């Protein structure tokens, strides 16, 4: 799968996604580090990338209908979660093939 990491994800998440055999783009590497949600969503949609974020604004299906996207993954973690905790939660989800197969066109809220 191909993923787009939002700016609120730790940089180390990209390496974790790649280790699991997926392609990943970080918004900070393509000039969207300070972009608003609509710009990030439009990029994800246009390039058919699964958006990975900690921003619950993306869980509003009225503004971001999951069927219009390659998928949206929102990690629900405490605001003060350290990078290792965020990466561990993402790796845990991405390692579950049966769940990952259901992501296209859907919203997944991952709790850890």
PDB file of N, CA and C in Angstrom:
ATOM      1  N   UNK A   1       0.839  -1.176   0.000  1.00  0.00           N
ATOM      2  CA  UNK A   1       0.000   0.000   0.000  1.00  0.00           C
ATOM      3  C   UNK A   1       0.886   1.242   0.000  1.00  0.00           C
ATOM      4  N   UNK A   2       0.251   2.357  -0.295  1.00  0.00           N
ATOM      5  CA  UNK A   2       0.950   3.640  -0.342  1.00  0.00           C
ATOM      6  C   UNK A   2       0.314   4.580   0.684  1.00  0.00           C
ATOM      7  N   UNK A   3       1.157   5.210   1.502  1.00  0.00           N
ATOM      8  CA  UNK A   3       0.680   6.020   2.613  1.00  0.00           C
ATOM      9  C   UNK A   3       1.199   7.448   2.540  1.00  0.00           C
ATOM     10  N   UNK A   4       0.410   8.373   3.114  1.00  0.00           N
ATOM     11  CA  UNK A   4       0.802   9.759   3.291  1.00  0.00           C
ATOM     12  C   UNK A   4       0.775  10.055   4.777  1.00  0.00           C
ATOM     13  N   UNK A   5       1.930  10.401   5.341  1.00  0.00           N
ATOM     14  CA  UNK A   5       2.015  10.721   6.763  1.00  0.00           C
ATOM     15  C   UNK A   5       1.782  12.203   6.982  1.00  0.00           C
ATOM     16  N   UNK A   6       0.856  12.511   7.869  1.00  0.00           N
ATOM     17  CA  UNK A   6       0.576  13.889   8.234  1.00  0.00           C
ATOM     18  C   UNK A   6       1.731  14.432   9.077  1.00  0.00           C
ATOM     19  N   UNK A   7       1.816  15.748   9.186  1.00  0.00           N
ATOM     20  CA  UNK A   7       2.914  16.392   9.913  1.00  0.00           C
ATOM     21  C   UNK A   7       2.883  16.095  11.406  1.00  0.00           C
ATOM     22  N   UNK A   8       1.756  15.625  11.927  1.00  0.00           N
ATOM     23  CA  UNK A   8       1.686  15.318  13.359  1.00  0.00           C
ATOM     24  C   UNK A   8       2.166  13.905  13.682  1.00  0.00           C
ATOM     25  N   UNK A   9       2.660  13.217  12.683  1.00  0.00           N
ATOM     26  CA  UNK A   9       3.240  11.888  12.880  1.00  0.00           C
ATOM     27  C   UNK A   9       4.753  12.033  13.029  1.00  0.00           C
ATOM     28  N   UNK A  10       5.370  11.219  13.883  1.00  0.00           N
ATOM     29  CA  UNK A  10       6.829  11.320  14.026  1.00  0.00           C
ATOM     30  C   UNK A  10       7.528  10.883  12.739  1.00  0.00           C
ATOM     31  N   UNK A  11       8.654  11.488  12.490  1.00  0.00           N
ATOM     32  CA  UNK A  11       9.442  11.135  11.300  1.00  0.00           C
ATOM     33  C   UNK A  11       9.778   9.647  11.276  1.00  0.00           C
ATOM     34  N   UNK A  12       9.985   9.057  12.433  1.00  0.00           N
ATOM     35  CA  UNK A  12      10.340   7.637  12.514  1.00  0.00           C
ATOM     36  C   UNK A  12       9.219   6.729  12.008  1.00  0.00           C
ATOM     37  N   UNK A  13       8.015   7.245  11.870  1.00  0.00           N
ATOM     38  CA  UNK A  13       6.908   6.430  11.359  1.00  0.00           C
ATOM     39  C   UNK A  13       7.144   6.028   9.905  1.00  0.00           C
ATOM     40  N   UNK A  14       7.787   6.894   9.135  1.00  0.00           N
ATOM     41  CA  UNK A  14       8.047   6.574   7.725  1.00  0.00           C
ATOM     42  C   UNK A  14       8.913   5.321   7.601  1.00  0.00           C
ATOM     43  N   UNK A  15       9.955   5.245   8.402  1.00  0.00           N
ATOM     44  CA  UNK A  15      10.834   4.071   8.359  1.00  0.00           C
ATOM     45  C   UNK A  15      10.076   2.818   8.756  1.00  0.00           C
ATOM     46  N   UNK A  16       9.192   2.937   9.727  1.00  0.00           N
ATOM     47  CA  UNK A  16       8.404   1.779  10.165  1.00  0.00           C
ATOM     48  C   UNK A  16       7.490   1.294   9.048  1.00  0.00           C
ATOM     49  N   UNK A  17       6.868   2.204   8.348  1.00  0.00           N
ATOM     50  CA  UNK A  17       5.978   1.839   7.235  1.00  0.00           C
ATOM     51  C   UNK A  17       6.781   1.143   6.146  1.00  0.00           C
ATOM     52  N   UNK A  18       7.947   1.674   5.843  1.00  0.00           N
ATOM     53  CA  UNK A  18       8.799   1.070   4.818  1.00  0.00           C
ATOM     54  C   UNK A  18       9.274  -0.321   5.230  1.00  0.00           C
ATOM     55  N   UNK A  19       9.618  -0.492   6.497  1.00  0.00           N
ATOM     56  CA  UNK A  19      10.058  -1.815   6.977  1.00  0.00           C
ATOM     57  C   UNK A  19       8.981  -2.866   6.770  1.00  0.00           C
ATOM     58  N   UNK A  20       7.733  -2.431   6.787  1.00  0.00           N
ATOM     59  CA  UNK A  20       6.624  -3.366   6.604  1.00  0.00           C
ATOM     60  C   UNK A  20       6.289  -3.566   5.123  1.00  0.00           C
ATOM     61  N   UNK A  21       7.115  -2.999   4.246  1.00  0.00           N
ATOM     62  CA  UNK A  21       6.988  -3.253   2.816  1.00  0.00           C
ATOM     63  C   UNK A  21       6.079  -2.310   2.056  1.00  0.00           C
ATOM     64  N   UNK A  22       5.782  -1.158   2.633  1.00  0.00           N
ATOM     65  CA  UNK A  22       4.888  -0.207   1.986  1.00  0.00           C
ATOM     66  C   UNK A  22       5.651   1.032   1.533  1.00  0.00           C
ATOM     67  N   UNK A  23       5.026   1.775   0.621  1.00  0.00           N
ATOM     68  CA  UNK A  23       5.566   3.056   0.193  1.00  0.00           C
ATOM     69  C   UNK A  23       5.006   4.130   1.112  1.00  0.00           C
ATOM     70  N   UNK A  24       5.783   5.182   1.348  1.00  0.00           N
ATOM     71  CA  UNK A  24       5.323   6.241   2.243  1.00  0.00           C
ATOM     72  C   UNK A  24       5.868   7.590   1.795  1.00  0.00           C
ATOM     73  N   UNK A  25       5.021   8.597   1.927  1.00  0.00           N
ATOM     74  CA  UNK A  25       5.386   9.979   1.648  1.00  0.00           C
ATOM     75  C   UNK A  25       5.049  10.765   2.907  1.00  0.00           C
ATOM     76  N   UNK A  26       5.961  11.625   3.329  1.00  0.00           N
ATOM     77  CA  UNK A  26       5.731  12.482   4.492  1.00  0.00           C
ATOM     78  C   UNK A  26       5.386  13.875   3.964  1.00  0.00           C
ATOM     79  N   UNK A  27       4.316  14.481   4.473  1.00  0.00           N
ATOM     80  CA  UNK A  27       3.898  15.792   3.973  1.00  0.00           C
ATOM     81  C   UNK A  27       5.005  16.834   4.104  1.00  0.00           C
ATOM     82  N   UNK A  28       5.872  16.672   5.092  1.00  0.00           N
ATOM     83  CA  UNK A  28       6.962  17.627   5.299  1.00  0.00           C
ATOM     84  C   UNK A  28       8.010  17.549   4.195  1.00  0.00           C
ATOM     85  N   UNK A  29       8.061  16.420   3.495  1.00  0.00           N
ATOM     86  CA  UNK A  29       9.042  16.241   2.429  1.00  0.00           C
ATOM     87  C   UNK A  29       8.549  16.729   1.068  1.00  0.00           C
ATOM     88  N   UNK A  30       7.267  17.095   0.991  1.00  0.00           N
ATOM     89  CA  UNK A  30       6.703  17.535  -0.291  1.00  0.00           C
ATOM     90  C   UNK A  30       6.143  18.954  -0.201  1.00  0.00           C
ATOM     91  N   UNK A  31       6.577  19.692   0.817  1.00  0.00           N
ATOM     92  CA  UNK A  31       6.165  21.075   0.948  1.00  0.00           C
ATOM     93  C   UNK A  31       4.797  21.305   1.552  1.00  0.00           C
ATOM     94  N   UNK A  32       4.232  20.268   2.182  1.00  0.00           N
ATOM     95  CA  UNK A  32       2.903  20.404   2.792  1.00  0.00           C
ATOM     96  C   UNK A  32       2.948  20.335   4.315  1.00  0.00           C
ATOM     97  N   UNK A  33       4.129  20.523   4.892  1.00  0.00           N
ATOM     98  CA  UNK A  33       4.265  20.433   6.341  1.00  0.00           C
ATOM     99  C   UNK A  33       3.388  21.406   7.097  1.00  0.00           C
ATOM    100  N   UNK A  34       3.160  22.581   6.530  1.00  0.00           N
ATOM    101  CA  UNK A  34       2.319  23.579   7.179  1.00  0.00           C
ATOM    102  C   UNK A  34       0.974  23.744   6.508  1.00  0.00           C
ATOM    103  N   UNK A  35       0.631  22.815   5.637  1.00  0.00           N
ATOM    104  CA  UNK A  35      -0.618  22.912   4.873  1.00  0.00           C
ATOM    105  C   UNK A  35      -1.835  22.655   5.751  1.00  0.00           C
ATOM    106  N   UNK A  36      -2.965  23.181   5.313  1.00  0.00           N
ATOM    107  CA  UNK A  36      -4.196  22.911   6.056  1.00  0.00           C
ATOM    108  C   UNK A  36      -4.732  21.532   5.676  1.00  0.00           C
ATOM    109  N   UNK A  37      -5.700  21.092   6.453  1.00  0.00           N
ATOM    110  CA  UNK A  37      -6.243  19.738   6.265  1.00  0.00           C
ATOM    111  C   UNK A  37      -6.774  19.516   4.857  1.00  0.00           C
ATOM    112  N   UNK A  38      -7.437  20.507   4.297  1.00  0.00           N
ATOM    113  CA  UNK A  38      -8.024  20.344   2.958  1.00  0.00           C
ATOM    114  C   UNK A  38      -6.944  20.082   1.907  1.00  0.00           C
ATOM    115  N   UNK A  39      -5.816  20.771   2.024  1.00  0.00           N
ATOM    116  CA  UNK A  39      -4.723  20.562   1.063  1.00  0.00           C
ATOM    117  C   UNK A  39      -4.128  19.170   1.208  1.00  0.00           C
ATOM    118  N   UNK A  40      -3.956  18.734   2.431  1.00  0.00           N
ATOM    119  CA  UNK A  40      -3.403  17.401   2.682  1.00  0.00           C
ATOM    120  C   UNK A  40      -4.356  16.329   2.164  1.00  0.00           C
ATOM    121  N   UNK A  41      -5.630  16.505   2.445  1.00  0.00           N
ATOM    122  CA  UNK A  41      -6.632  15.544   1.975  1.00  0.00           C
ATOM    123  C   UNK A  41      -6.670  15.497   0.446  1.00  0.00           C
ATOM    124  N   UNK A  42      -6.593  16.657  -0.180  1.00  0.00           N
ATOM    125  CA  UNK A  42      -6.619  16.708  -1.646  1.00  0.00           C
ATOM    126  C   UNK A  42      -5.410  15.982  -2.239  1.00  0.00           C
ATOM    127  N   UNK A  43      -4.248  16.146  -1.619  1.00  0.00           N
ATOM    128  CA  UNK A  43      -3.040  15.463  -2.095  1.00  0.00           C
ATOM    129  C   UNK A  43      -3.203  13.950  -1.949  1.00  0.00           C
ATOM    130  N   UNK A  44      -3.696  13.527  -0.800  1.00  0.00           N
ATOM    131  CA  UNK A  44      -3.900  12.091  -0.572  1.00  0.00           C
ATOM    132  C   UNK A  44      -4.864  11.521  -1.602  1.00  0.00           C
ATOM    133  N   UNK A  45      -5.941  12.238  -1.846  1.00  0.00           N
ATOM    134  CA  UNK A  45      -6.951  11.768  -2.813  1.00  0.00           C
ATOM    135  C   UNK A  45      -6.371  11.711  -4.217  1.00  0.00           C
ATOM    136  N   UNK A  46      -5.714  12.786  -4.641  1.00  0.00           N
ATOM    137  CA  UNK A  46      -5.171  12.865  -5.990  1.00  0.00           C
ATOM    138  C   UNK A  46      -4.136  11.780  -6.271  1.00  0.00           C
ATOM    139  N   UNK A  47      -3.321  11.471  -5.266  1.00  0.00           N
ATOM    140  CA  UNK A  47      -2.245  10.503  -5.455  1.00  0.00           C
ATOM    141  C   UNK A  47      -2.594   9.106  -4.946  1.00  0.00           C
ATOM    142  N   UNK A  48      -3.852   8.942  -4.547  1.00  0.00           N
ATOM    143  CA  UNK A  48      -4.355   7.636  -4.075  1.00  0.00           C
ATOM    144  C   UNK A  48      -3.499   7.061  -2.944  1.00  0.00           C
ATOM    145  N   UNK A  49      -3.269   7.907  -1.939  1.00  0.00           N
ATOM    146  CA  UNK A  49      -2.478   7.535  -0.775  1.00  0.00           C
ATOM    147  C   UNK A  49      -3.384   7.404   0.439  1.00  0.00           C
ATOM    148  N   UNK A  50      -3.125   6.412   1.266  1.00  0.00           N
ATOM    149  CA  UNK A  50      -3.840   6.265   2.533  1.00  0.00           C
ATOM    150  C   UNK A  50      -3.274   7.311   3.485  1.00  0.00           C
ATOM    151  N   UNK A  51      -4.137   8.168   3.998  1.00  0.00           N
ATOM    152  CA  UNK A  51      -3.707   9.214   4.911  1.00  0.00           C
ATOM    153  C   UNK A  51      -3.566   8.649   6.317  1.00  0.00           C
ATOM    154  N   UNK A  52      -2.417   8.898   6.941  1.00  0.00           N
ATOM    155  CA  UNK A  52      -2.154   8.462   8.317  1.00  0.00           C
ATOM    156  C   UNK A  52      -1.929   9.717   9.153  1.00  0.00           C
ATOM    157  N   UNK A  53      -2.736   9.885  10.196  1.00  0.00           N
ATOM    158  CA  UNK A  53      -2.706  11.115  10.975  1.00  0.00           C
ATOM    159  C   UNK A  53      -3.108  10.870  12.417  1.00  0.00           C
ATOM    160  N   UNK A  54      -2.872  11.874  13.245  1.00  0.00           N
ATOM    161  CA  UNK A  54      -3.377  11.866  14.622  1.00  0.00           C
ATOM    162  C   UNK A  54      -4.428  12.964  14.774  1.00  0.00           C
ATOM    163  N   UNK A  55      -4.790  13.589  13.673  1.00  0.00           N
ATOM    164  CA  UNK A  55      -5.719  14.716  13.636  1.00  0.00           C
ATOM    165  C   UNK A  55      -7.153  14.201  13.484  1.00  0.00           C
ATOM    166  N   UNK A  56      -7.939  14.344  14.531  1.00  0.00           N
ATOM    167  CA  UNK A  56      -9.304  13.822  14.501  1.00  0.00           C
ATOM    168  C   UNK A  56     -10.232  14.604  13.576  1.00  0.00           C
ATOM    169  N   UNK A  57      -9.788  15.740  13.046  1.00  0.00           N
ATOM    170  CA  UNK A  57     -10.609  16.434  12.055  1.00  0.00           C
ATOM    171  C   UNK A  57     -10.852  15.533  10.842  1.00  0.00           C
ATOM    172  N   UNK A  58      -9.877  14.678  10.537  1.00  0.00           N
ATOM    173  CA  UNK A  58     -10.019  13.777   9.390  1.00  0.00           C
ATOM    174  C   UNK A  58     -11.012  12.647   9.642  1.00  0.00           C
ATOM    175  N   UNK A  59     -11.461  12.491  10.871  1.00  0.00           N
ATOM    176  CA  UNK A  59     -12.453  11.447  11.159  1.00  0.00           C
ATOM    177  C   UNK A  59     -13.875  11.939  10.930  1.00  0.00           C
ATOM    178  N   UNK A  60     -14.036  13.200  10.552  1.00  0.00           N
ATOM    179  CA  UNK A  60     -15.357  13.749  10.253  1.00  0.00           C
ATOM    180  C   UNK A  60     -15.740  13.331   8.833  1.00  0.00           C
ATOM    181  N   UNK A  61     -16.573  12.329   8.735  1.00  0.00           N
ATOM    182  CA  UNK A  61     -16.920  11.752   7.430  1.00  0.00           C
ATOM    183  C   UNK A  61     -17.750  12.704   6.571  1.00  0.00           C
ATOM    184  N   UNK A  62     -18.293  13.759   7.180  1.00  0.00           N
ATOM    185  CA  UNK A  62     -19.021  14.755   6.379  1.00  0.00           C
ATOM    186  C   UNK A  62     -18.039  15.576   5.554  1.00  0.00           C
ATOM    187  N   UNK A  63     -16.886  15.879   6.121  1.00  0.00           N
ATOM    188  CA  UNK A  63     -15.873  16.661   5.416  1.00  0.00           C
ATOM    189  C   UNK A  63     -14.915  15.799   4.610  1.00  0.00           C
ATOM    190  N   UNK A  64     -14.666  14.588   5.083  1.00  0.00           N
ATOM    191  CA  UNK A  64     -13.719  13.678   4.433  1.00  0.00           C
ATOM    192  C   UNK A  64     -14.379  12.310   4.278  1.00  0.00           C
ATOM    193  N   UNK A  65     -15.294  12.185   3.298  1.00  0.00           N
ATOM    194  CA  UNK A  65     -15.979  10.902   3.103  1.00  0.00           C
ATOM    195  C   UNK A  65     -14.970   9.804   2.752  1.00  0.00           C
ATOM    196  N   UNK A  66     -14.836   8.794   3.592  1.00  0.00           N
ATOM    197  CA  UNK A  66     -13.814   7.769   3.375  1.00  0.00           C
ATOM    198  C   UNK A  66     -13.859   7.115   1.999  1.00  0.00           C
ATOM    199  N   UNK A  67     -15.040   6.961   1.434  1.00  0.00           N
ATOM    200  CA  UNK A  67     -15.162   6.305   0.129  1.00  0.00           C
ATOM    201  C   UNK A  67     -14.432   7.066  -0.973  1.00  0.00           C
ATOM    202  N   UNK A  68     -14.139   8.339  -0.738  1.00  0.00           N
ATOM    203  CA  UNK A  68     -13.450   9.149  -1.740  1.00  0.00           C
ATOM    204  C   UNK A  68     -11.931   9.053  -1.644  1.00  0.00           C
ATOM    205  N   UNK A  69     -11.451   8.288  -0.678  1.00  0.00           N
ATOM    206  CA  UNK A  69     -10.010   8.212  -0.408  1.00  0.00           C
ATOM    207  C   UNK A  69      -9.511   6.770  -0.492  1.00  0.00           C
ATOM    208  N   UNK A  70      -8.201   6.639  -0.616  1.00  0.00           N
ATOM    209  CA  UNK A  70      -7.584   5.306  -0.584  1.00  0.00           C
ATOM    210  C   UNK A  70      -7.677   4.728   0.820  1.00  0.00           C
ATOM    211  N   UNK A  71      -8.074   5.573   1.761  1.00  0.00           N
ATOM    212  CA  UNK A  71      -8.230   5.181   3.155  1.00  0.00           C
ATOM    213  C   UNK A  71      -7.742   6.294   4.056  1.00  0.00           C
ATOM    214  N   UNK A  72      -8.281   6.333   5.252  1.00  0.00           N
ATOM    215  CA  UNK A  72      -7.862   7.301   6.260  1.00  0.00           C
ATOM    216  C   UNK A  72      -7.649   6.537   7.557  1.00  0.00           C
ATOM    217  N   UNK A  73      -6.464   6.660   8.117  1.00  0.00           N
ATOM    218  CA  UNK A  73      -6.136   6.028   9.394  1.00  0.00           C
ATOM    219  C   UNK A  73      -5.857   7.132  10.403  1.00  0.00           C
ATOM    220  N   UNK A  74      -6.653   7.163  11.462  1.00  0.00           N
ATOM    221  CA  UNK A  74      -6.479   8.151  12.523  1.00  0.00           C
ATOM    222  C   UNK A  74      -6.033   7.403  13.777  1.00  0.00           C
ATOM    223  N   UNK A  75      -4.871   7.783  14.283  1.00  0.00           N
ATOM    224  CA  UNK A  75      -4.359   7.162  15.505  1.00  0.00           C
ATOM    225  C   UNK A  75      -4.852   7.953  16.710  1.00  0.00           C
ATOM    226  N   UNK A  76      -5.561   7.277  17.592  1.00  0.00           N
ATOM    227  CA  UNK A  76      -6.059   7.908  18.807  1.00  0.00           C
ATOM    228  C   UNK A  76      -5.115   7.563  19.952  1.00  0.00           C
ATOM    229  N   UNK A  77      -4.271   8.517  20.258  1.00  0.00           N
ATOM    230  CA  UNK A  77      -3.272   8.357  21.313  1.00  0.00           C
ATOM    231  C   UNK A  77      -3.263   9.625  22.156  1.00  0.00           C
ATOM    232  N   UNK A  78      -2.788   9.548  23.383  1.00  0.00           N
ATOM    233  CA  UNK A  78      -2.683  10.771  24.193  1.00  0.00           C
ATOM    234  C   UNK A  78      -1.814  11.812  23.481  1.00  0.00           C
ATOM    235  N   UNK A  79      -2.140  13.081  23.672  1.00  0.00           N
ATOM    236  CA  UNK A  79      -1.377  14.157  23.039  1.00  0.00           C
ATOM    237  C   UNK A  79       0.100  14.113  23.393  1.00  0.00           C
ATOM    238  N   UNK A  80       0.413  13.595  24.582  1.00  0.00           N
ATOM    239  CA  UNK A  80       1.801  13.566  25.015  1.00  0.00           C
ATOM    240  C   UNK A  80       2.498  12.234  24.712  1.00  0.00           C
ATOM    241  N   UNK A  81       1.890  11.410  23.858  1.00  0.00           N
ATOM    242  CA  UNK A  81       2.507  10.126  23.494  1.00  0.00           C
ATOM    243  C   UNK A  81       3.848  10.377  22.810  1.00  0.00           C
ATOM    244  N   UNK A  82       4.858   9.635  23.209  1.00  0.00           N
ATOM    245  CA  UNK A  82       6.175   9.781  22.597  1.00  0.00           C
ATOM    246  C   UNK A  82       6.197   9.075  21.235  1.00  0.00           C
ATOM    247  N   UNK A  83       7.175   9.426  20.431  1.00  0.00           N
ATOM    248  CA  UNK A  83       7.275   8.895  19.069  1.00  0.00           C
ATOM    249  C   UNK A  83       7.245   7.372  19.047  1.00  0.00           C
ATOM    250  N   UNK A  84       7.954   6.737  19.959  1.00  0.00           N
ATOM    251  CA  UNK A  84       8.004   5.270  19.972  1.00  0.00           C
ATOM    252  C   UNK A  84       6.616   4.667  20.175  1.00  0.00           C
ATOM    253  N   UNK A  85       5.794   5.291  20.990  1.00  0.00           N
ATOM    254  CA  UNK A  85       4.433   4.796  21.228  1.00  0.00           C
ATOM    255  C   UNK A  85       3.574   4.947  19.978  1.00  0.00           C
ATOM    256  N   UNK A  86       3.724   6.086  19.307  1.00  0.00           N
ATOM    257  CA  UNK A  86       2.966   6.330  18.077  1.00  0.00           C
ATOM    258  C   UNK A  86       3.355   5.309  17.017  1.00  0.00           C
ATOM    259  N   UNK A  87       4.640   5.110  16.838  1.00  0.00           N
ATOM    260  CA  UNK A  87       5.131   4.165  15.828  1.00  0.00           C
ATOM    261  C   UNK A  87       4.683   2.749  16.167  1.00  0.00           C
ATOM    262  N   UNK A  88       4.747   2.373  17.425  1.00  0.00           N
ATOM    263  CA  UNK A  88       4.322   1.030  17.831  1.00  0.00           C
ATOM    264  C   UNK A  88       2.846   0.801  17.499  1.00  0.00           C
ATOM    265  N   UNK A  89       2.005   1.786  17.767  1.00  0.00           N
ATOM    266  CA  UNK A  89       0.581   1.664  17.443  1.00  0.00           C
ATOM    267  C   UNK A  89       0.349   1.528  15.955  1.00  0.00           C
ATOM    268  N   UNK A  90       1.068   2.307  15.165  1.00  0.00           N
ATOM    269  CA  UNK A  90       0.938   2.228  13.713  1.00  0.00           C
ATOM    270  C   UNK A  90       1.430   0.885  13.198  1.00  0.00           C
ATOM    271  N   UNK A  91       2.586   0.445  13.674  1.00  0.00           N
ATOM    272  CA  UNK A  91       3.130  -0.856  13.248  1.00  0.00           C
ATOM    273  C   UNK A  91       2.172  -1.992  13.593  1.00  0.00           C
ATOM    274  N   UNK A  92       1.592  -1.929  14.755  1.00  0.00           N
ATOM    275  CA  UNK A  92       0.662  -2.972  15.180  1.00  0.00           C
ATOM    276  C   UNK A  92      -0.516  -3.067  14.218  1.00  0.00           C
ATOM    277  N   UNK A  93      -1.056  -1.928  13.845  1.00  0.00           N
ATOM    278  CA  UNK A  93      -2.187  -1.924  12.913  1.00  0.00           C
ATOM    279  C   UNK A  93      -1.763  -2.403  11.529  1.00  0.00           C
ATOM    280  N   UNK A  94      -0.664  -1.865  11.020  1.00  0.00           N
ATOM    281  CA  UNK A  94      -0.233  -2.208   9.667  1.00  0.00           C
ATOM    282  C   UNK A  94       0.225  -3.661   9.541  1.00  0.00           C
ATOM    283  N   UNK A  95       0.534  -4.294  10.651  1.00  0.00           N
ATOM    284  CA  UNK A  95       0.972  -5.694  10.637  1.00  0.00           C
ATOM    285  C   UNK A  95      -0.195  -6.670  10.549  1.00  0.00           C
ATOM    286  N   UNK A  96      -1.400  -6.189  10.679  1.00  0.00           N
ATOM    287  CA  UNK A  96      -2.588  -7.042  10.657  1.00  0.00           C
ATOM    288  C   UNK A  96      -3.193  -7.015   9.253  1.00  0.00           C
ATOM    289  N   UNK A  97      -2.778  -7.943   8.432  1.00  0.00           N
ATOM    290  CA  UNK A  97      -3.167  -7.967   7.020  1.00  0.00           C
ATOM    291  C   UNK A  97      -4.671  -7.927   6.809  1.00  0.00           C
ATOM    292  N   UNK A  98      -5.415  -8.634   7.647  1.00  0.00           N
ATOM    293  CA  UNK A  98      -6.868  -8.673   7.468  1.00  0.00           C
ATOM    294  C   UNK A  98      -7.504  -7.301   7.719  1.00  0.00           C
ATOM    295  N   UNK A  99      -6.955  -6.544   8.638  1.00  0.00           N
ATOM    296  CA  UNK A  99      -7.456  -5.187   8.881  1.00  0.00           C
ATOM    297  C   UNK A  99      -6.994  -4.236   7.786  1.00  0.00           C
ATOM    298  N   UNK A 100      -5.748  -4.342   7.421  1.00  0.00           N
ATOM    299  CA  UNK A 100      -5.185  -3.470   6.399  1.00  0.00           C
ATOM    300  C   UNK A 100      -5.922  -3.624   5.070  1.00  0.00           C
ATOM    301  N   UNK A 101      -6.340  -4.822   4.758  1.00  0.00           N
ATOM    302  CA  UNK A 101      -7.067  -5.074   3.511  1.00  0.00           C
ATOM    303  C   UNK A 101      -8.406  -4.349   3.467  1.00  0.00           C
ATOM    304  N   UNK A 102      -8.933  -3.979   4.623  1.00  0.00           N
ATOM    305  CA  UNK A 102     -10.225  -3.308   4.691  1.00  0.00           C
ATOM    306  C   UNK A 102     -10.116  -1.790   4.645  1.00  0.00           C
ATOM    307  N   UNK A 103      -8.916  -1.243   4.657  1.00  0.00           N
ATOM    308  CA  UNK A 103      -8.710   0.198   4.731  1.00  0.00           C
ATOM    309  C   UNK A 103      -9.175   0.964   3.489  1.00  0.00           C
ATOM    310  N   UNK A 104      -8.916   0.496   2.271  1.00  0.00           N
ATOM    311  CA  UNK A 104      -9.306   1.312   1.110  1.00  0.00           C
ATOM    312  C   UNK A 104     -10.784   1.724   1.159  1.00  0.00           C
ATOM    313  N   UNK A 105     -10.993   3.032   1.054  1.00  0.00           N
ATOM    314  CA  UNK A 105     -12.348   3.561   1.069  1.00  0.00           C
ATOM    315  C   UNK A 105     -12.990   3.630   2.437  1.00  0.00           C
ATOM    316  N   UNK A 106     -12.194   3.415   3.475  1.00  0.00           N
ATOM    317  CA  UNK A 106     -12.746   3.409   4.830  1.00  0.00           C
ATOM    318  C   UNK A 106     -11.924   4.279   5.769  1.00  0.00           C
ATOM    319  N   UNK A 107     -12.553   4.603   6.898  1.00  0.00           N
ATOM    320  CA  UNK A 107     -11.908   5.309   7.986  1.00  0.00           C
ATOM    321  C   UNK A 107     -11.592   4.289   9.067  1.00  0.00           C
ATOM    322  N   UNK A 108     -10.342   4.260   9.491  1.00  0.00           N
ATOM    323  CA  UNK A 108      -9.928   3.380  10.592  1.00  0.00           C
ATOM    324  C   UNK A 108      -9.425   4.253  11.728  1.00  0.00           C
ATOM    325  N   UNK A 109     -10.028   4.098  12.885  1.00  0.00           N
ATOM    326  CA  UNK A 109      -9.550   4.799  14.069  1.00  0.00           C
ATOM    327  C   UNK A 109      -8.828   3.765  14.924  1.00  0.00           C
ATOM    328  N   UNK A 110      -7.544   3.994  15.113  1.00  0.00           N
ATOM    329  CA  UNK A 110      -6.683   3.031  15.789  1.00  0.00           C
ATOM    330  C   UNK A 110      -6.412   3.529  17.202  1.00  0.00           C
ATOM    331  N   UNK A 111      -6.838   2.747  18.170  1.00  0.00           N
ATOM    332  CA  UNK A 111      -6.589   3.076  19.567  1.00  0.00           C
ATOM    333  C   UNK A 111      -5.428   2.224  20.057  1.00  0.00           C
ATOM    334  N   UNK A 112      -4.671   2.792  20.952  1.00  0.00           N
ATOM    335  CA  UNK A 112      -3.556   2.027  21.475  1.00  0.00           C
ATOM    336  C   UNK A 112      -3.462   2.182  22.971  1.00  0.00           C
TER     337      UNK A 112
END
